[in-house]
């Protein structure tokens, strides 16, 4: 069982990293281009079972959600929505591969 657990963690982390990279790439494409700073601050980090997606630009939230004076220009949420169906498949696939490696 311990072999299954470590195999599953490794596989899920690997698949999550790939998924997060795809979402990040799409968010970069979706982000409005004025100076390019917003695009350069978009990140995707994977730590254990958690994917952290966002942008470090101080105004990133205002671009994503809009303000009283500016229409929203979502770039991150649409990228996540586009790749969300793949996430379940990625996790199921990782579990199946880990089961096979552990001989279960």
Protein backbone atom coordinates (compact mmCIF):
# COMPACT_ATOMS: atom_id res chain seq x y z
CA UNK A 1 0.00 0.00 0.00
CA UNK A 2 2.90 2.34 0.73
CA UNK A 3 4.24 1.73 -2.79
CA UNK A 4 0.79 2.64 -4.17
CA UNK A 5 0.65 5.84 -2.10
CA UNK A 6 4.07 7.10 -3.18
CA UNK A 7 3.40 6.10 -6.79
CA UNK A 8 0.06 7.86 -6.80
CA UNK A 9 1.52 11.03 -5.28
CA UNK A 10 4.30 11.08 -7.87
CA UNK A 11 1.90 10.47 -10.77
CA UNK A 12 -0.68 13.01 -9.60
CA UNK A 13 2.01 15.63 -9.02
CA UNK A 14 3.42 15.02 -12.49
CA UNK A 15 0.03 15.28 -14.16
CA UNK A 16 -0.96 18.33 -12.11
CA UNK A 17 2.26 20.07 -13.13
CA UNK A 18 1.50 19.41 -16.79
CA UNK A 19 -2.12 20.55 -16.39
CA UNK A 20 -1.05 23.72 -14.56
CA UNK A 21 1.46 24.53 -17.30
CA UNK A 22 -1.29 24.21 -19.92
CA UNK A 23 -3.62 26.48 -17.93
CA UNK A 24 -0.83 29.02 -17.43
CA UNK A 25 -0.03 29.04 -21.16
CA UNK A 26 -3.68 29.64 -22.01
CA UNK A 27 -3.98 32.40 -19.39
CA UNK A 28 -0.92 34.11 -20.88
CA UNK A 29 -2.58 33.95 -24.32
CA UNK A 30 -5.85 35.31 -22.88
CA UNK A 31 -4.27 38.19 -20.95
CA UNK A 32 -4.60 41.60 -22.57
CA UNK A 33 -1.36 42.89 -24.02
CA UNK A 34 -0.42 46.48 -23.30
CA UNK A 35 3.09 46.37 -21.87
CA UNK A 36 3.38 42.61 -21.38
CA UNK A 37 3.97 42.96 -17.64
CA UNK A 38 0.74 41.19 -16.64
CA UNK A 39 1.57 38.26 -18.91
CA UNK A 40 5.06 38.02 -17.45
CA UNK A 41 3.72 37.72 -13.89
CA UNK A 42 1.26 34.86 -14.48
CA UNK A 43 2.34 31.79 -12.55
CA UNK A 44 1.33 28.19 -11.90
CA UNK A 45 2.80 26.39 -8.89
CA UNK A 46 2.14 22.84 -7.80
CA UNK A 47 2.76 21.82 -4.21
CA UNK A 48 1.64 18.33 -3.22
CA UNK A 49 -2.05 18.17 -4.24
CA UNK A 50 -2.59 21.91 -4.71
CA UNK A 51 -2.24 24.01 -7.86
CA UNK A 52 -1.74 27.72 -7.23
CA UNK A 53 -2.59 29.83 -10.28
CA UNK A 54 -2.48 33.59 -10.42
CA UNK A 55 -0.59 36.70 -11.41
CA UNK A 56 1.71 38.88 -9.33
CA UNK A 57 0.94 42.16 -11.09
CA UNK A 58 -0.67 44.55 -8.59
CA UNK A 59 -3.52 45.24 -11.01
CA UNK A 60 -4.13 41.62 -12.08
CA UNK A 61 -7.36 41.29 -10.09
CA UNK A 62 -8.76 44.50 -11.59
CA UNK A 63 -8.12 43.21 -15.11
CA UNK A 64 -9.70 39.82 -14.31
CA UNK A 65 -12.80 41.13 -12.50
CA UNK A 66 -13.09 44.69 -13.75
CA UNK A 67 -13.84 47.80 -11.71
CA UNK A 68 -16.51 50.43 -11.50
CA UNK A 69 -14.71 52.29 -14.30
CA UNK A 70 -13.34 49.42 -16.39
CA UNK A 71 -14.89 46.36 -18.00
CA UNK A 72 -13.51 42.99 -16.89
CA UNK A 73 -11.07 41.28 -19.23
CA UNK A 74 -10.93 37.78 -17.75
CA UNK A 75 -7.84 35.80 -18.67
CA UNK A 76 -7.34 33.33 -15.81
CA UNK A 77 -10.88 32.08 -15.18
CA UNK A 78 -11.53 31.18 -18.84
CA UNK A 79 -8.22 29.30 -18.97
CA UNK A 80 -9.15 27.29 -15.89
CA UNK A 81 -12.62 26.57 -17.25
CA UNK A 82 -11.17 25.40 -20.55
CA UNK A 83 -8.89 22.83 -18.90
CA UNK A 84 -11.11 21.85 -15.95
CA UNK A 85 -12.64 18.81 -17.71
CA UNK A 86 -9.13 17.44 -18.22
CA UNK A 87 -8.36 17.67 -14.51
CA UNK A 88 -10.62 14.78 -13.52
CA UNK A 89 -9.23 12.63 -16.32
CA UNK A 90 -5.69 13.50 -15.24
CA UNK A 91 -6.30 12.47 -11.64
CA UNK A 92 -8.11 9.24 -12.58
CA UNK A 93 -5.29 8.36 -14.98
CA UNK A 94 -2.67 9.00 -12.30
CA UNK A 95 -4.50 6.75 -9.84
CA UNK A 96 -4.77 3.99 -12.45
CA UNK A 97 -1.05 4.21 -13.27
CA UNK A 98 -0.12 4.13 -9.60
CA UNK A 99 -2.34 1.07 -9.08
CA UNK A 100 -0.64 -0.68 -11.99
CA UNK A 101 2.83 0.15 -10.64
CA UNK A 102 1.88 -1.16 -7.19
CA UNK A 103 0.44 -4.34 -8.69
CA UNK A 104 -3.09 -3.68 -7.48
